[in-house]
Amino acid sequence: MTVVMIAVAVIVAAGLFRTLHLWNRNNKQPVLSVRALVVGRRFEAQTRRHSGDDNASQQTQSYTYYVTFEVESGDRMEFAIEGRNYGLIAEGDLGKLTFQGTRYFGFDRDNNRLGQMG
């Protein structure tokens, strides 16, 4: 029993360390706004099953949405974004991407859709 508790504590501590390290690394990065082209979109669905108070099985689904941008240098970056923003962005959109490290702040699409970089 003690070994299991120690293992759980180590796993939780490692996850917390990783989260704090990423948060700190992002905070040290400048906030950048760059021209970018949307080159990909995807989402992941996660289903969780759990039992309710009456032992009836219930399930909930959650989604994580991702958009891949290509910047003028040719580098590609993928960001997790909110679902309400995911529906407003399409492959081929050209605009201004604002981010800090791995944090997505927004994408302002140009009026002319399906633009080309350069």
PDB file of N, CA and C in Angstrom:
ATOM      1  N   MET A   1       0.825  -1.195   0.000  1.00  0.00           N
ATOM      2  CA  MET A   1       0.000   0.000   0.000  1.00  0.00           C
ATOM      3  C   MET A   1       0.871   1.262   0.000  1.00  0.00           C
ATOM      4  N   THR A   2       1.914   1.271   0.813  1.00  0.00           N
ATOM      5  CA  THR A   2       2.801   2.423   0.886  1.00  0.00           C
ATOM      6  C   THR A   2       3.530   2.643  -0.434  1.00  0.00           C
ATOM      7  N   VAL A   3       3.910   1.562  -1.104  1.00  0.00           N
ATOM      8  CA  VAL A   3       4.598   1.671  -2.393  1.00  0.00           C
ATOM      9  C   VAL A   3       3.677   2.323  -3.421  1.00  0.00           C
ATOM     10  N   VAL A   4       2.415   1.941  -3.419  1.00  0.00           N
ATOM     11  CA  VAL A   4       1.448   2.518  -4.355  1.00  0.00           C
ATOM     12  C   VAL A   4       1.284   4.011  -4.081  1.00  0.00           C
ATOM     13  N   MET A   5       1.185   4.381  -2.820  1.00  0.00           N
ATOM     14  CA  MET A   5       1.028   5.796  -2.473  1.00  0.00           C
ATOM     15  C   MET A   5       2.251   6.604  -2.890  1.00  0.00           C
ATOM     16  N   ILE A   6       3.431   6.036  -2.713  1.00  0.00           N
ATOM     17  CA  ILE A   6       4.656   6.723  -3.130  1.00  0.00           C
ATOM     18  C   ILE A   6       4.688   6.866  -4.649  1.00  0.00           C
ATOM     19  N   ALA A   7       4.304   5.818  -5.360  1.00  0.00           N
ATOM     20  CA  ALA A   7       4.280   5.864  -6.825  1.00  0.00           C
ATOM     21  C   ALA A   7       3.309   6.937  -7.314  1.00  0.00           C
ATOM     22  N   VAL A   8       2.135   7.000  -6.719  1.00  0.00           N
ATOM     23  CA  VAL A   8       1.148   8.017  -7.107  1.00  0.00           C
ATOM     24  C   VAL A   8       1.697   9.413  -6.814  1.00  0.00           C
ATOM     25  N   ALA A   9       2.324   9.590  -5.664  1.00  0.00           N
ATOM     26  CA  ALA A   9       2.891  10.894  -5.306  1.00  0.00           C
ATOM     27  C   ALA A   9       3.977  11.309  -6.295  1.00  0.00           C
ATOM     28  N   VAL A  10       4.814  10.365  -6.721  1.00  0.00           N
ATOM     29  CA  VAL A  10       5.876  10.666  -7.684  1.00  0.00           C
ATOM     30  C   VAL A  10       5.275  11.061  -9.029  1.00  0.00           C
ATOM     31  N   ILE A  11       4.252  10.352  -9.465  1.00  0.00           N
ATOM     32  CA  ILE A  11       3.605  10.664 -10.744  1.00  0.00           C
ATOM     33  C   ILE A  11       2.970  12.048 -10.695  1.00  0.00           C
ATOM     34  N   VAL A  12       2.265  12.355  -9.621  1.00  0.00           N
ATOM     35  CA  VAL A  12       1.639  13.673  -9.474  1.00  0.00           C
ATOM     36  C   VAL A  12       2.706  14.766  -9.440  1.00  0.00           C
ATOM     37  N   ALA A  13       3.779  14.544  -8.691  1.00  0.00           N
ATOM     38  CA  ALA A  13       4.858  15.534  -8.599  1.00  0.00           C
ATOM     39  C   ALA A  13       5.518  15.757  -9.958  1.00  0.00           C
ATOM     40  N   ALA A  14       5.732  14.690 -10.718  1.00  0.00           N
ATOM     41  CA  ALA A  14       6.344  14.819 -12.047  1.00  0.00           C
ATOM     42  C   ALA A  14       5.440  15.619 -12.980  1.00  0.00           C
ATOM     43  N   GLY A  15       4.144  15.356 -12.942  1.00  0.00           N
ATOM     44  CA  GLY A  15       3.201  16.106 -13.767  1.00  0.00           C
ATOM     45  C   GLY A  15       3.165  17.576 -13.389  1.00  0.00           C
ATOM     46  N   LEU A  16       3.182  17.855 -12.103  1.00  0.00           N
ATOM     47  CA  LEU A  16       3.190  19.237 -11.629  1.00  0.00           C
ATOM     48  C   LEU A  16       4.477  19.939 -12.050  1.00  0.00           C
ATOM     49  N   PHE A  17       5.608  19.267 -11.928  1.00  0.00           N
ATOM     50  CA  PHE A  17       6.888  19.842 -12.338  1.00  0.00           C
ATOM     51  C   PHE A  17       6.879  20.175 -13.826  1.00  0.00           C
ATOM     52  N   ARG A  18       6.375  19.244 -14.637  1.00  0.00           N
ATOM     53  CA  ARG A  18       6.339  19.462 -16.092  1.00  0.00           C
ATOM     54  C   ARG A  18       5.459  20.660 -16.437  1.00  0.00           C
ATOM     55  N   THR A  19       4.293  20.756 -15.795  1.00  0.00           N
ATOM     56  CA  THR A  19       3.378  21.865 -16.046  1.00  0.00           C
ATOM     57  C   THR A  19       4.007  23.198 -15.650  1.00  0.00           C
ATOM     58  N   LEU A  20       4.624  23.247 -14.482  1.00  0.00           N
ATOM     59  CA  LEU A  20       5.256  24.486 -14.027  1.00  0.00           C
ATOM     60  C   LEU A  20       6.444  24.865 -14.907  1.00  0.00           C
ATOM     61  N   HIS A  21       7.201  23.877 -15.370  1.00  0.00           N
ATOM     62  CA  HIS A  21       8.338  24.140 -16.253  1.00  0.00           C
ATOM     63  C   HIS A  21       7.860  24.751 -17.573  1.00  0.00           C
ATOM     64  N   LEU A  22       6.811  24.186 -18.170  1.00  0.00           N
ATOM     65  CA  LEU A  22       6.268  24.713 -19.423  1.00  0.00           C
ATOM     66  C   LEU A  22       5.715  26.116 -19.219  1.00  0.00           C
ATOM     67  N   TRP A  23       5.000  26.334 -18.121  1.00  0.00           N
ATOM     68  CA  TRP A  23       4.441  27.646 -17.815  1.00  0.00           C
ATOM     69  C   TRP A  23       5.555  28.679 -17.707  1.00  0.00           C
ATOM     70  N   ASN A  24       6.620  28.336 -16.993  1.00  0.00           N
ATOM     71  CA  ASN A  24       7.753  29.243 -16.812  1.00  0.00           C
ATOM     72  C   ASN A  24       8.461  29.513 -18.139  1.00  0.00           C
ATOM     73  N   ARG A  25       8.644  28.471 -18.941  1.00  0.00           N
ATOM     74  CA  ARG A  25       9.308  28.633 -20.243  1.00  0.00           C
ATOM     75  C   ARG A  25       8.480  29.541 -21.158  1.00  0.00           C
ATOM     76  N   ASN A  26       7.165  29.359 -21.177  1.00  0.00           N
ATOM     77  CA  ASN A  26       6.302  30.220 -21.985  1.00  0.00           C
ATOM     78  C   ASN A  26       6.370  31.667 -21.518  1.00  0.00           C
ATOM     79  N   ASN A  27       6.386  31.879 -20.200  1.00  0.00           N
ATOM     80  CA  ASN A  27       6.438  33.243 -19.673  1.00  0.00           C
ATOM     81  C   ASN A  27       7.705  33.977 -20.080  1.00  0.00           C
ATOM     82  N   LYS A  28       8.783  33.259 -20.322  1.00  0.00           N
ATOM     83  CA  LYS A  28      10.049  33.880 -20.716  1.00  0.00           C
ATOM     84  C   LYS A  28      10.090  34.221 -22.207  1.00  0.00           C
ATOM     85  N   GLN A  29       9.147  33.719 -22.979  1.00  0.00           N
ATOM     86  CA  GLN A  29       9.112  33.972 -24.417  1.00  0.00           C
ATOM     87  C   GLN A  29       8.386  35.287 -24.693  1.00  0.00           C
ATOM     88  N   PRO A  30       8.763  35.984 -25.776  1.00  0.00           N
ATOM     89  CA  PRO A  30       8.025  37.196 -26.141  1.00  0.00           C
ATOM     90  C   PRO A  30       6.680  36.828 -26.769  1.00  0.00           C
ATOM     91  N   VAL A  31       5.725  37.730 -26.661  1.00  0.00           N
ATOM     92  CA  VAL A  31       4.463  37.565 -27.384  1.00  0.00           C
ATOM     93  C   VAL A  31       4.733  38.004 -28.819  1.00  0.00           C
ATOM     94  N   LEU A  32       4.466  37.113 -29.772  1.00  0.00           N
ATOM     95  CA  LEU A  32       4.746  37.388 -31.179  1.00  0.00           C
ATOM     96  C   LEU A  32       3.457  37.422 -31.984  1.00  0.00           C
ATOM     97  N   SER A  33       3.419  38.308 -32.968  1.00  0.00           N
ATOM     98  CA  SER A  33       2.344  38.345 -33.957  1.00  0.00           C
ATOM     99  C   SER A  33       3.002  38.228 -35.322  1.00  0.00           C
ATOM    100  N   VAL A  34       2.676  37.167 -36.046  1.00  0.00           N
ATOM    101  CA  VAL A  34       3.321  36.892 -37.329  1.00  0.00           C
ATOM    102  C   VAL A  34       2.276  36.518 -38.369  1.00  0.00           C
ATOM    103  N   ARG A  35       2.639  36.711 -39.643  1.00  0.00           N
ATOM    104  CA  ARG A  35       1.770  36.270 -40.738  1.00  0.00           C
ATOM    105  C   ARG A  35       1.805  34.754 -40.779  1.00  0.00           C
ATOM    106  N   ALA A  36       0.652  34.146 -40.944  1.00  0.00           N
ATOM    107  CA  ALA A  36       0.598  32.683 -40.932  1.00  0.00           C
ATOM    108  C   ALA A  36      -0.528  32.195 -41.830  1.00  0.00           C
ATOM    109  N   LEU A  37      -0.333  30.987 -42.331  1.00  0.00           N
ATOM    110  CA  LEU A  37      -1.306  30.300 -43.166  1.00  0.00           C
ATOM    111  C   LEU A  37      -1.780  29.063 -42.418  1.00  0.00           C
ATOM    112  N   VAL A  38      -3.085  28.845 -42.389  1.00  0.00           N
ATOM    113  CA  VAL A  38      -3.625  27.645 -41.747  1.00  0.00           C
ATOM    114  C   VAL A  38      -3.429  26.476 -42.706  1.00  0.00           C
ATOM    115  N   VAL A  39      -2.664  25.467 -42.265  1.00  0.00           N
ATOM    116  CA  VAL A  39      -2.369  24.326 -43.132  1.00  0.00           C
ATOM    117  C   VAL A  39      -2.977  23.023 -42.616  1.00  0.00           C
ATOM    118  N   GLY A  40      -3.578  23.050 -41.442  1.00  0.00           N
ATOM    119  CA  GLY A  40      -4.187  21.823 -40.930  1.00  0.00           C
ATOM    120  C   GLY A  40      -5.080  22.086 -39.735  1.00  0.00           C
ATOM    121  N   ARG A  41      -6.054  21.195 -39.565  1.00  0.00           N
ATOM    122  CA  ARG A  41      -6.967  21.241 -38.422  1.00  0.00           C
ATOM    123  C   ARG A  41      -7.275  19.813 -38.032  1.00  0.00           C
ATOM    124  N   ARG A  42      -7.412  19.580 -36.722  1.00  0.00           N
ATOM    125  CA  ARG A  42      -7.807  18.256 -36.257  1.00  0.00           C
ATOM    126  C   ARG A  42      -8.395  18.386 -34.866  1.00  0.00           C
ATOM    127  N   PHE A  43      -9.042  17.319 -34.425  1.00  0.00           N
ATOM    128  CA  PHE A  43      -9.520  17.298 -33.048  1.00  0.00           C
ATOM    129  C   PHE A  43      -9.402  15.894 -32.500  1.00  0.00           C
ATOM    130  N   GLU A  44      -9.323  15.809 -31.181  1.00  0.00           N
ATOM    131  CA  GLU A  44      -9.289  14.526 -30.485  1.00  0.00           C
ATOM    132  C   GLU A  44     -10.499  14.462 -29.571  1.00  0.00           C
ATOM    133  N   ALA A  45     -11.184  13.336 -29.614  1.00  0.00           N
ATOM    134  CA  ALA A  45     -12.323  13.115 -28.723  1.00  0.00           C
ATOM    135  C   ALA A  45     -11.903  12.146 -27.628  1.00  0.00           C
ATOM    136  N   GLN A  46     -12.262  12.477 -26.406  1.00  0.00           N
ATOM    137  CA  GLN A  46     -11.992  11.591 -25.279  1.00  0.00           C
ATOM    138  C   GLN A  46     -13.315  11.251 -24.621  1.00  0.00           C
ATOM    139  N   THR A  47     -13.543   9.950 -24.426  1.00  0.00           N
ATOM    140  CA  THR A  47     -14.753   9.483 -23.758  1.00  0.00           C
ATOM    141  C   THR A  47     -14.372   8.950 -22.390  1.00  0.00           C
ATOM    142  N   ARG A  48     -15.074   9.429 -21.397  1.00  0.00           N
ATOM    143  CA  ARG A  48     -14.840   8.957 -20.030  1.00  0.00           C
ATOM    144  C   ARG A  48     -16.107   8.272 -19.538  1.00  0.00           C
ATOM    145  N   ARG A  49     -15.925   7.079 -19.015  1.00  0.00           N
ATOM    146  CA  ARG A  49     -17.056   6.330 -18.456  1.00  0.00           C
ATOM    147  C   ARG A  49     -16.931   6.331 -16.939  1.00  0.00           C
ATOM    148  N   HIS A  50     -18.051   6.546 -16.295  1.00  0.00           N
ATOM    149  CA  HIS A  50     -18.073   6.524 -14.837  1.00  0.00           C
ATOM    150  C   HIS A  50     -19.468   6.134 -14.385  1.00  0.00           C
ATOM    151  N   SER A  51     -19.555   5.677 -13.168  1.00  0.00           N
ATOM    152  CA  SER A  51     -20.865   5.275 -12.656  1.00  0.00           C
ATOM    153  C   SER A  51     -21.416   6.382 -11.770  1.00  0.00           C
ATOM    154  N   GLY A  52     -22.711   6.575 -11.874  1.00  0.00           N
ATOM    155  CA  GLY A  52     -23.390   7.599 -11.092  1.00  0.00           C
ATOM    156  C   GLY A  52     -23.780   7.075  -9.729  1.00  0.00           C
ATOM    157  N   ASP A  53     -24.559   7.852  -9.021  1.00  0.00           N
ATOM    158  CA  ASP A  53     -24.991   7.484  -7.674  1.00  0.00           C
ATOM    159  C   ASP A  53     -25.816   6.205  -7.649  1.00  0.00           C
ATOM    160  N   ASP A  54     -26.541   5.952  -8.717  1.00  0.00           N
ATOM    161  CA  ASP A  54     -27.396   4.758  -8.758  1.00  0.00           C
ATOM    162  C   ASP A  54     -26.719   3.589  -9.477  1.00  0.00           C
ATOM    163  N   ASN A  55     -25.391   3.631  -9.597  1.00  0.00           N
ATOM    164  CA  ASN A  55     -24.588   2.603 -10.262  1.00  0.00           C
ATOM    165  C   ASN A  55     -24.873   2.473 -11.753  1.00  0.00           C
ATOM    166  N   ALA A  56     -25.600   3.418 -12.304  1.00  0.00           N
ATOM    167  CA  ALA A  56     -25.824   3.414 -13.747  1.00  0.00           C
ATOM    168  C   ALA A  56     -24.570   3.968 -14.420  1.00  0.00           C
ATOM    169  N   SER A  57     -24.164   3.330 -15.492  1.00  0.00           N
ATOM    170  CA  SER A  57     -22.971   3.762 -16.208  1.00  0.00           C
ATOM    171  C   SER A  57     -23.287   5.029 -17.000  1.00  0.00           C
ATOM    172  N   GLN A  58     -22.423   6.008 -16.875  1.00  0.00           N
ATOM    173  CA  GLN A  58     -22.575   7.254 -17.615  1.00  0.00           C
ATOM    174  C   GLN A  58     -21.281   7.515 -18.364  1.00  0.00           C
ATOM    175  N   GLN A  59     -21.378   8.294 -19.411  1.00  0.00           N
ATOM    176  CA  GLN A  59     -20.166   8.662 -20.123  1.00  0.00           C
ATOM    177  C   GLN A  59     -20.236  10.125 -20.513  1.00  0.00           C
ATOM    178  N   THR A  60     -19.089  10.741 -20.533  1.00  0.00           N
ATOM    179  CA  THR A  60     -18.977  12.120 -20.980  1.00  0.00           C
ATOM    180  C   THR A  60     -17.889  12.179 -22.040  1.00  0.00           C
ATOM    181  N   GLN A  61     -18.062  13.107 -22.961  1.00  0.00           N
ATOM    182  CA  GLN A  61     -17.061  13.293 -24.003  1.00  0.00           C
ATOM    183  C   GLN A  61     -16.504  14.698 -23.910  1.00  0.00           C
ATOM    184  N   SER A  62     -15.218  14.798 -24.172  1.00  0.00           N
ATOM    185  CA  SER A  62     -14.586  16.110 -24.277  1.00  0.00           C
ATOM    186  C   SER A  62     -13.737  16.111 -25.540  1.00  0.00           C
ATOM    187  N   TYR A  63     -13.563  17.284 -26.087  1.00  0.00           N
ATOM    188  CA  TYR A  63     -12.823  17.429 -27.333  1.00  0.00           C
ATOM    189  C   TYR A  63     -11.676  18.413 -27.136  1.00  0.00           C
ATOM    190  N   THR A  64     -10.554  18.118 -27.769  1.00  0.00           N
ATOM    191  CA  THR A  64      -9.436  19.047 -27.835  1.00  0.00           C
ATOM    192  C   THR A  64      -9.223  19.368 -29.308  1.00  0.00           C
ATOM    193  N   TYR A  65      -9.196  20.654 -29.623  1.00  0.00           N
ATOM    194  CA  TYR A  65      -9.091  21.109 -31.003  1.00  0.00           C
ATOM    195  C   TYR A  65      -7.698  21.661 -31.269  1.00  0.00           C
ATOM    196  N   TYR A  66      -7.154  21.338 -32.451  1.00  0.00           N
ATOM    197  CA  TYR A  66      -5.809  21.767 -32.821  1.00  0.00           C
ATOM    198  C   TYR A  66      -5.835  22.409 -34.210  1.00  0.00           C
ATOM    199  N   VAL A  67      -5.008  23.437 -34.380  1.00  0.00           N
ATOM    200  CA  VAL A  67      -4.823  24.071 -35.686  1.00  0.00           C
ATOM    201  C   VAL A  67      -3.320  24.175 -35.934  1.00  0.00           C
ATOM    202  N   THR A  68      -2.902  23.835 -37.164  1.00  0.00           N
ATOM    203  CA  THR A  68      -1.497  23.944 -37.558  1.00  0.00           C
ATOM    204  C   THR A  68      -1.341  25.151 -38.470  1.00  0.00           C
ATOM    205  N   PHE A  69      -0.393  25.996 -38.122  1.00  0.00           N
ATOM    206  CA  PHE A  69      -0.097  27.211 -38.881  1.00  0.00           C
ATOM    207  C   PHE A  69       1.288  27.089 -39.495  1.00  0.00           C
ATOM    208  N   GLU A  70       1.436  27.658 -40.697  1.00  0.00           N
ATOM    209  CA  GLU A  70       2.753  27.776 -41.320  1.00  0.00           C
ATOM    210  C   GLU A  70       3.093  29.253 -41.390  1.00  0.00           C
ATOM    211  N   VAL A  71       4.249  29.613 -40.842  1.00  0.00           N
ATOM    212  CA  VAL A  71       4.674  31.012 -40.844  1.00  0.00           C
ATOM    213  C   VAL A  71       5.585  31.268 -42.041  1.00  0.00           C
ATOM    214  N   GLU A  72       5.940  32.537 -42.242  1.00  0.00           N
ATOM    215  CA  GLU A  72       6.688  32.924 -43.447  1.00  0.00           C
ATOM    216  C   GLU A  72       8.027  32.215 -43.589  1.00  0.00           C
ATOM    217  N   SER A  73       8.637  31.817 -42.485  1.00  0.00           N
ATOM    218  CA  SER A  73       9.922  31.109 -42.549  1.00  0.00           C
ATOM    219  C   SER A  73       9.762  29.666 -43.029  1.00  0.00           C
ATOM    220  N   GLY A  74       8.506  29.193 -43.107  1.00  0.00           N
ATOM    221  CA  GLY A  74       8.243  27.813 -43.498  1.00  0.00           C
ATOM    222  C   GLY A  74       8.041  26.886 -42.313  1.00  0.00           C
ATOM    223  N   ASP A  75       8.322  27.379 -41.101  1.00  0.00           N
ATOM    224  CA  ASP A  75       8.107  26.569 -39.898  1.00  0.00           C
ATOM    225  C   ASP A  75       6.618  26.370 -39.664  1.00  0.00           C
ATOM    226  N   ARG A  76       6.294  25.216 -39.114  1.00  0.00           N
ATOM    227  CA  ARG A  76       4.900  24.912 -38.781  1.00  0.00           C
ATOM    228  C   ARG A  76       4.755  24.783 -37.275  1.00  0.00           C
ATOM    229  N   MET A  77       3.640  25.299 -36.778  1.00  0.00           N
ATOM    230  CA  MET A  77       3.360  25.242 -35.344  1.00  0.00           C
ATOM    231  C   MET A  77       1.923  24.800 -35.145  1.00  0.00           C
ATOM    232  N   GLU A  78       1.729  23.889 -34.201  1.00  0.00           N
ATOM    233  CA  GLU A  78       0.382  23.419 -33.886  1.00  0.00           C
ATOM    234  C   GLU A  78       0.006  23.925 -32.500  1.00  0.00           C
ATOM    235  N   PHE A  79      -1.205  24.466 -32.393  1.00  0.00           N
ATOM    236  CA  PHE A  79      -1.698  24.980 -31.125  1.00  0.00           C
ATOM    237  C   PHE A  79      -3.036  24.340 -30.794  1.00  0.00           C
ATOM    238  N   ALA A  80      -3.245  24.074 -29.524  1.00  0.00           N
ATOM    239  CA  ALA A  80      -4.566  23.671 -29.040  1.00  0.00           C
ATOM    240  C   ALA A  80      -5.372  24.953 -28.885  1.00  0.00           C
ATOM    241  N   ILE A  81      -6.602  24.958 -29.416  1.00  0.00           N
ATOM    242  CA  ILE A  81      -7.438  26.155 -29.338  1.00  0.00           C
ATOM    243  C   ILE A  81      -8.823  25.778 -28.828  1.00  0.00           C
ATOM    244  N   GLU A  82      -9.602  26.786 -28.461  1.00  0.00           N
ATOM    245  CA  GLU A  82     -10.959  26.556 -27.978  1.00  0.00           C
ATOM    246  C   GLU A  82     -11.872  26.174 -29.139  1.00  0.00           C
ATOM    247  N   GLY A  83     -12.876  25.381 -28.826  1.00  0.00           N
ATOM    248  CA  GLY A  83     -13.809  24.921 -29.843  1.00  0.00           C
ATOM    249  C   GLY A  83     -14.515  26.044 -30.571  1.00  0.00           C
ATOM    250  N   ARG A  84     -14.853  27.116 -29.849  1.00  0.00           N
ATOM    251  CA  ARG A  84     -15.564  28.227 -30.497  1.00  0.00           C
ATOM    252  C   ARG A  84     -14.693  28.913 -31.540  1.00  0.00           C
ATOM    253  N   ASN A  85     -13.370  28.888 -31.367  1.00  0.00           N
ATOM    254  CA  ASN A  85     -12.460  29.459 -32.361  1.00  0.00           C
ATOM    255  C   ASN A  85     -12.170  28.475 -33.489  1.00  0.00           C
ATOM    256  N   TYR A  86     -12.190  27.191 -33.175  1.00  0.00           N
ATOM    257  CA  TYR A  86     -11.912  26.147 -34.165  1.00  0.00           C
ATOM    258  C   TYR A  86     -12.888  26.245 -35.337  1.00  0.00           C
ATOM    259  N   GLY A  87     -14.134  26.494 -35.035  1.00  0.00           N
ATOM    260  CA  GLY A  87     -15.150  26.577 -36.083  1.00  0.00           C
ATOM    261  C   GLY A  87     -15.014  27.790 -36.978  1.00  0.00           C
ATOM    262  N   LEU A  88     -14.238  28.775 -36.560  1.00  0.00           N
ATOM    263  CA  LEU A  88     -14.071  30.001 -37.338  1.00  0.00           C
ATOM    264  C   LEU A  88     -12.826  29.992 -38.217  1.00  0.00           C
ATOM    265  N   ILE A  89     -12.021  28.946 -38.094  1.00  0.00           N
ATOM    266  CA  ILE A  89     -10.755  28.867 -38.831  1.00  0.00           C
ATOM    267  C   ILE A  89     -10.818  27.707 -39.815  1.00  0.00           C
ATOM    268  N   ALA A  90     -10.436  27.983 -41.064  1.00  0.00           N
ATOM    269  CA  ALA A  90     -10.450  26.944 -42.096  1.00  0.00           C
ATOM    270  C   ALA A  90      -9.062  26.817 -42.716  1.00  0.00           C
ATOM    271  N   GLU A  91      -8.764  25.622 -43.216  1.00  0.00           N
ATOM    272  CA  GLU A  91      -7.501  25.446 -43.941  1.00  0.00           C
ATOM    273  C   GLU A  91      -7.470  26.421 -45.103  1.00  0.00           C
ATOM    274  N   GLY A  92      -6.327  27.043 -45.319  1.00  0.00           N
ATOM    275  CA  GLY A  92      -6.175  28.019 -46.387  1.00  0.00           C
ATOM    276  C   GLY A  92      -6.339  29.451 -45.918  1.00  0.00           C
ATOM    277  N   ASP A  93      -6.824  29.652 -44.689  1.00  0.00           N
ATOM    278  CA  ASP A  93      -6.956  31.010 -44.163  1.00  0.00           C
ATOM    279  C   ASP A  93      -5.576  31.615 -43.955  1.00  0.00           C
ATOM    280  N   LEU A  94      -5.448  32.879 -44.289  1.00  0.00           N
ATOM    281  CA  LEU A  94      -4.208  33.624 -44.116  1.00  0.00           C
ATOM    282  C   LEU A  94      -4.490  34.782 -43.180  1.00  0.00           C
ATOM    283  N   GLY A  95      -3.582  35.049 -42.253  1.00  0.00           N
ATOM    284  CA  GLY A  95      -3.817  36.146 -41.326  1.00  0.00           C
ATOM    285  C   GLY A  95      -2.678  36.321 -40.354  1.00  0.00           C
ATOM    286  N   LYS A  96      -3.008  36.931 -39.214  1.00  0.00           N
ATOM    287  CA  LYS A  96      -2.008  37.232 -38.189  1.00  0.00           C
ATOM    288  C   LYS A  96      -2.209  36.302 -36.999  1.00  0.00           C
ATOM    289  N   LEU A  97      -1.192  35.517 -36.706  1.00  0.00           N
ATOM    290  CA  LEU A  97      -1.179  34.590 -35.573  1.00  0.00           C
ATOM    291  C   LEU A  97      -0.460  35.258 -34.407  1.00  0.00           C
ATOM    292  N   THR A  98      -1.087  35.231 -33.231  1.00  0.00           N
ATOM    293  CA  THR A  98      -0.460  35.779 -32.030  1.00  0.00           C
ATOM    294  C   THR A  98      -0.284  34.652 -31.028  1.00  0.00           C
ATOM    295  N   PHE A  99       0.957  34.514 -30.512  1.00  0.00           N
ATOM    296  CA  PHE A  99       1.259  33.412 -29.595  1.00  0.00           C
ATOM    297  C   PHE A  99       2.434  33.783 -28.703  1.00  0.00           C
ATOM    298  N   GLN A 100       2.612  33.006 -27.655  1.00  0.00           N
ATOM    299  CA  GLN A 100       3.753  33.150 -26.745  1.00  0.00           C
ATOM    300  C   GLN A 100       4.227  31.752 -26.397  1.00  0.00           C
ATOM    301  N   GLY A 101       5.353  31.347 -26.945  1.00  0.00           N
ATOM    302  CA  GLY A 101       5.820  29.979 -26.724  1.00  0.00           C
ATOM    303  C   GLY A 101       4.818  28.991 -27.301  1.00  0.00           C
ATOM    304  N   THR A 102       4.239  28.161 -26.441  1.00  0.00           N
ATOM    305  CA  THR A 102       3.223  27.204 -26.900  1.00  0.00           C
ATOM    306  C   THR A 102       1.803  27.696 -26.627  1.00  0.00           C
ATOM    307  N   ARG A 103       1.665  28.929 -26.156  1.00  0.00           N
ATOM    308  CA  ARG A 103       0.344  29.500 -25.857  1.00  0.00           C
ATOM    309  C   ARG A 103      -0.225  30.202 -27.077  1.00  0.00           C
ATOM    310  N   TYR A 104      -1.414  29.812 -27.456  1.00  0.00           N
ATOM    311  CA  TYR A 104      -2.134  30.440 -28.560  1.00  0.00           C
ATOM    312  C   TYR A 104      -2.958  31.590 -28.005  1.00  0.00           C
ATOM    313  N   PHE A 105      -2.804  32.787 -28.595  1.00  0.00           N
ATOM    314  CA  PHE A 105      -3.604  33.933 -28.168  1.00  0.00           C
ATOM    315  C   PHE A 105      -4.680  34.296 -29.173  1.00  0.00           C
ATOM    316  N   GLY A 106      -4.462  34.020 -30.460  1.00  0.00           N
ATOM    317  CA  GLY A 106      -5.496  34.354 -31.427  1.00  0.00           C
ATOM    318  C   GLY A 106      -4.993  34.327 -32.858  1.00  0.00           C
ATOM    319  N   PHE A 107      -5.960  34.358 -33.756  1.00  0.00           N
ATOM    320  CA  PHE A 107      -5.672  34.396 -35.188  1.00  0.00           C
ATOM    321  C   PHE A 107      -6.666  35.353 -35.822  1.00  0.00           C
ATOM    322  N   ASP A 108      -6.158  36.430 -36.438  1.00  0.00           N
ATOM    323  CA  ASP A 108      -6.999  37.397 -37.133  1.00  0.00           C
ATOM    324  C   ASP A 108      -6.875  37.146 -38.626  1.00  0.00           C
ATOM    325  N   ARG A 109      -7.943  36.592 -39.188  1.00  0.00           N
ATOM    326  CA  ARG A 109      -7.943  36.221 -40.602  1.00  0.00           C
ATOM    327  C   ARG A 109      -8.006  37.464 -41.484  1.00  0.00           C
ATOM    328  N   ASP A 110      -7.250  37.438 -42.583  1.00  0.00           N
ATOM    329  CA  ASP A 110      -7.348  38.490 -43.592  1.00  0.00           C
ATOM    330  C   ASP A 110      -8.704  38.377 -44.275  1.00  0.00           C
ATOM    331  N   ASN A 111      -9.115  39.450 -44.926  1.00  0.00           N
ATOM    332  CA  ASN A 111     -10.400  39.425 -45.628  1.00  0.00           C
ATOM    333  C   ASN A 111     -10.392  38.477 -46.811  1.00  0.00           C
ATOM    334  N   ASN A 112      -9.244  38.370 -47.498  1.00  0.00           N
ATOM    335  CA  ASN A 112      -9.187  37.468 -48.650  1.00  0.00           C
ATOM    336  C   ASN A 112      -8.773  36.080 -48.182  1.00  0.00           C
ATOM    337  N   ARG A 113      -9.684  35.149 -48.245  1.00  0.00           N
ATOM    338  CA  ARG A 113      -9.432  33.779 -47.810  1.00  0.00           C
ATOM    339  C   ARG A 113      -8.600  33.063 -48.871  1.00  0.00           C
ATOM    340  N   LEU A 114      -7.984  31.981 -48.491  1.00  0.00           N
ATOM    341  CA  LEU A 114      -7.152  31.183 -49.394  1.00  0.00           C
ATOM    342  C   LEU A 114      -5.995  32.002 -49.955  1.00  0.00           C
ATOM    343  N   GLY A 115      -5.390  32.785 -49.110  1.00  0.00           N
ATOM    344  CA  GLY A 115      -4.237  33.577 -49.517  1.00  0.00           C
ATOM    345  C   GLY A 115      -2.995  32.719 -49.617  1.00  0.00           C
ATOM    346  N   GLN A 116      -1.950  33.320 -50.119  1.00  0.00           N
ATOM    347  CA  GLN A 116      -0.672  32.618 -50.194  1.00  0.00           C
ATOM    348  C   GLN A 116       0.371  33.450 -49.487  1.00  0.00           C
ATOM    349  N   MET A 117       1.281  32.756 -48.846  1.00  0.00           N
ATOM    350  CA  MET A 117       2.353  33.440 -48.132  1.00  0.00           C
ATOM    351  C   MET A 117       3.348  33.990 -49.143  1.00  0.00           C
ATOM    352  N   GLY A 118       4.045  35.051 -48.748  1.00  0.00           N
ATOM    353  CA  GLY A 118       5.134  35.521 -49.582  1.00  0.00           C
ATOM    354  C   GLY A 118       4.971  36.886 -50.096  1.00  0.00           C
TER     355      GLY A 118
END
